[in-house]
Every structure is written in structure tokens, then in C-alpha cells.
Amino acid sequence: MAVFPASEVPPIQTAHWLMKPPSLIRGTWENPGEAGEWLGRQLTEFAPRFASDQDREATRLVLLVQAAVERLRWGGDVSLGHYLRGAVFHSVAVVTCSPNRAAPELPCPAVAAGPG
């Protein structure tokens, strides 16, 4: 299990991203709306490569981001994944910290320089 903390492979529990090294942090935000904007950019960037036509629909992506922002507002975590063409899986997560509701014993990682 020594490989888990340093690996970019998503953990089974979203809160366990907090166990990963700060180098894997893509950004930090105080405001759930800002985290949602980042999530929306990630989805928009990869959407043309999503294997499913349904997953590429703009309305669906907007609804995913809106639901994610609501979840973050009450302290929940967000983990999304989509298969891309060519049997590749795209995973993106936004994890609440200070403390995390699902794993309050896990400390927040050091803040990495990033978009937020």
C-alpha cells in the first residue's frame, strides 16, 4: 500500500485525496462557486473526448457543476469520472477540507500554488 499516497490513481473514498502529497493539488478555493468554476473548466476541456454522447451534452455538464457547488456548500466532496474515447478514464475530484466531513481526522494538505 506504500504506492497509494504518491500515486495519481483516485482513492476509493474521495476524502482520501487528503492523504495524497500536496504536489497533486491542482488548486484551492475558499468559495464553492470558484471550485465549481474550476470543475466546469475541467469538464469542458475533456468533454469533446468523452466516450458517451450524453456525457458531452452542455446542459448535463452545467447541471453536474451546479450539483457539485451545492454539495461543496454543505461540506460534501465531489468525485466525477468519465470514460474517454480509447478506453481511458478521466477522473476529477474536489475535496472539502477544514475538516472533511467524511474523514475529519485527516488534516488539510499544505496549500499548493494554484488557480484558487
Protein backbone atom coordinates (compact mmCIF):
# COMPACT_ATOMS: atom_id res chain seq x y z
CA MET A 1 0.00 0.00 0.00
CA ALA A 2 3.05 2.29 0.03
CA VAL A 3 2.34 3.28 -3.59
CA PHE A 4 -1.13 4.73 -2.82
CA PRO A 5 -0.17 8.09 -1.29
CA ALA A 6 2.15 9.11 -4.13
CA SER A 7 0.00 7.75 -6.96
CA GLU A 8 -2.37 9.90 -9.01
CA VAL A 9 -4.82 6.98 -9.06
CA PRO A 10 -8.08 8.10 -7.43
CA PRO A 11 -8.74 6.66 -3.97
CA ILE A 12 -11.82 4.58 -3.23
CA GLN A 13 -13.06 7.23 -0.79
CA THR A 14 -12.94 10.78 -2.16
CA ALA A 15 -11.82 12.15 1.23
CA HIS A 16 -8.67 10.05 0.96
CA TRP A 17 -7.32 12.54 -1.58
CA LEU A 18 -6.33 14.40 1.61
CA MET A 19 -3.75 11.66 2.17
CA LYS A 20 -2.02 12.44 -1.11
CA PRO A 21 1.03 14.73 -1.34
CA PRO A 22 0.47 18.48 -1.89
CA SER A 23 2.11 18.15 -5.32
CA LEU A 24 -1.12 16.53 -6.55
CA ILE A 25 -3.25 19.56 -5.57
CA ARG A 26 -4.45 21.40 -8.67
CA GLY A 27 -5.92 24.34 -6.77
CA THR A 28 -7.54 25.54 -3.58
CA TRP A 29 -10.57 27.75 -3.14
CA GLU A 30 -12.36 29.31 -0.20
CA ASN A 31 -15.59 29.70 -2.16
CA PRO A 32 -17.55 26.70 -3.51
CA GLY A 33 -18.54 28.72 -6.58
CA GLU A 34 -14.90 29.22 -7.53
CA ALA A 35 -14.24 25.50 -7.09
CA GLY A 36 -17.26 24.86 -9.32
CA GLU A 37 -15.87 27.17 -12.00
CA TRP A 38 -12.61 25.18 -11.96
CA LEU A 39 -14.57 21.92 -12.16
CA GLY A 40 -16.56 23.29 -15.09
CA ARG A 41 -13.35 24.16 -16.94
CA GLN A 42 -12.04 20.62 -16.38
CA LEU A 43 -15.23 19.08 -17.73
CA THR A 44 -15.35 21.47 -20.70
CA GLU A 45 -11.74 20.69 -21.58
CA PHE A 46 -12.29 16.93 -21.65
CA ALA A 47 -15.92 16.81 -22.85
CA PRO A 48 -15.05 16.56 -26.57
CA ARG A 49 -13.21 13.32 -25.76
CA PHE A 50 -15.98 11.77 -23.60
CA ALA A 51 -16.96 8.39 -25.00
CA SER A 52 -20.68 8.97 -24.39
CA ASP A 53 -22.68 11.48 -26.43
CA GLN A 54 -24.89 12.02 -23.38
CA ASP A 55 -21.90 12.95 -21.20
CA ARG A 56 -20.84 15.59 -23.74
CA GLU A 57 -24.16 17.47 -23.60
CA ALA A 58 -23.62 21.04 -22.40
CA THR A 59 -26.79 21.07 -20.29
CA ARG A 60 -25.70 17.91 -18.47
CA LEU A 61 -22.28 19.43 -17.73
CA VAL A 62 -23.86 22.62 -16.37
CA LEU A 63 -26.14 20.55 -14.11
CA LEU A 64 -23.16 18.49 -12.86
CA VAL A 65 -21.31 21.66 -11.89
CA GLN A 66 -24.38 23.18 -10.20
CA ALA A 67 -24.91 19.99 -8.18
CA ALA A 68 -21.21 19.95 -7.27
CA VAL A 69 -21.34 23.53 -5.97
CA GLU A 70 -24.37 22.71 -3.83
CA ARG A 71 -22.61 19.65 -2.39
CA LEU A 72 -19.49 21.69 -1.63
CA ARG A 73 -21.59 24.37 0.09
CA TRP A 74 -22.71 21.88 2.75
CA GLY A 75 -19.24 20.38 3.09
CA GLY A 76 -19.53 17.37 0.81
CA ASP A 77 -16.93 16.08 -1.61
CA VAL A 78 -17.34 15.73 -5.36
CA SER A 79 -15.85 12.98 -7.50
CA LEU A 80 -16.68 12.62 -11.18
CA GLY A 81 -15.41 10.22 -13.79
CA HIS A 82 -15.99 9.73 -17.49
CA TYR A 83 -14.69 7.25 -19.98
CA LEU A 84 -12.85 8.91 -22.82
CA ARG A 85 -12.55 7.54 -26.33
CA GLY A 86 -9.84 4.92 -26.47
CA ALA A 87 -10.71 3.20 -23.16
CA VAL A 88 -9.15 5.90 -20.97
CA PHE A 89 -10.86 7.10 -17.79
CA HIS A 90 -10.88 10.77 -16.74
CA SER A 91 -11.34 11.37 -13.03
CA VAL A 92 -11.68 14.73 -11.27
CA ALA A 93 -12.42 15.43 -7.62
CA VAL A 94 -12.99 18.44 -5.38
CA VAL A 95 -12.46 17.67 -1.71
CA THR A 96 -13.72 19.75 1.19
CA CYS A 97 -11.23 20.46 3.91
CA SER A 98 -11.13 22.09 7.36
CA PRO A 99 -12.20 19.46 8.33
CA ASN A 100 -13.56 16.99 5.83
CA ARG A 101 -16.99 15.66 6.91
CA ALA A 102 -16.29 12.07 5.87
CA ALA A 103 -12.77 11.95 7.37
CA PRO A 104 -12.38 14.73 9.96
CA GLU A 105 -9.20 13.12 11.30
CA LEU A 106 -7.35 13.81 8.03
CA PRO A 107 -5.51 17.13 8.03
CA CYS A 108 -5.70 19.54 5.14
CA PRO A 109 -2.63 19.24 2.93
CA ALA A 110 -0.25 22.14 2.54
CA VAL A 111 -1.72 24.71 0.21
CA ALA A 112 -0.17 24.39 -3.24
CA ALA A 113 0.14 27.33 -5.57
CA GLY A 114 -2.74 27.05 -7.97
CA PRO A 115 -5.69 28.76 -9.60
CA GLY A 116 -7.53 29.48 -6.38
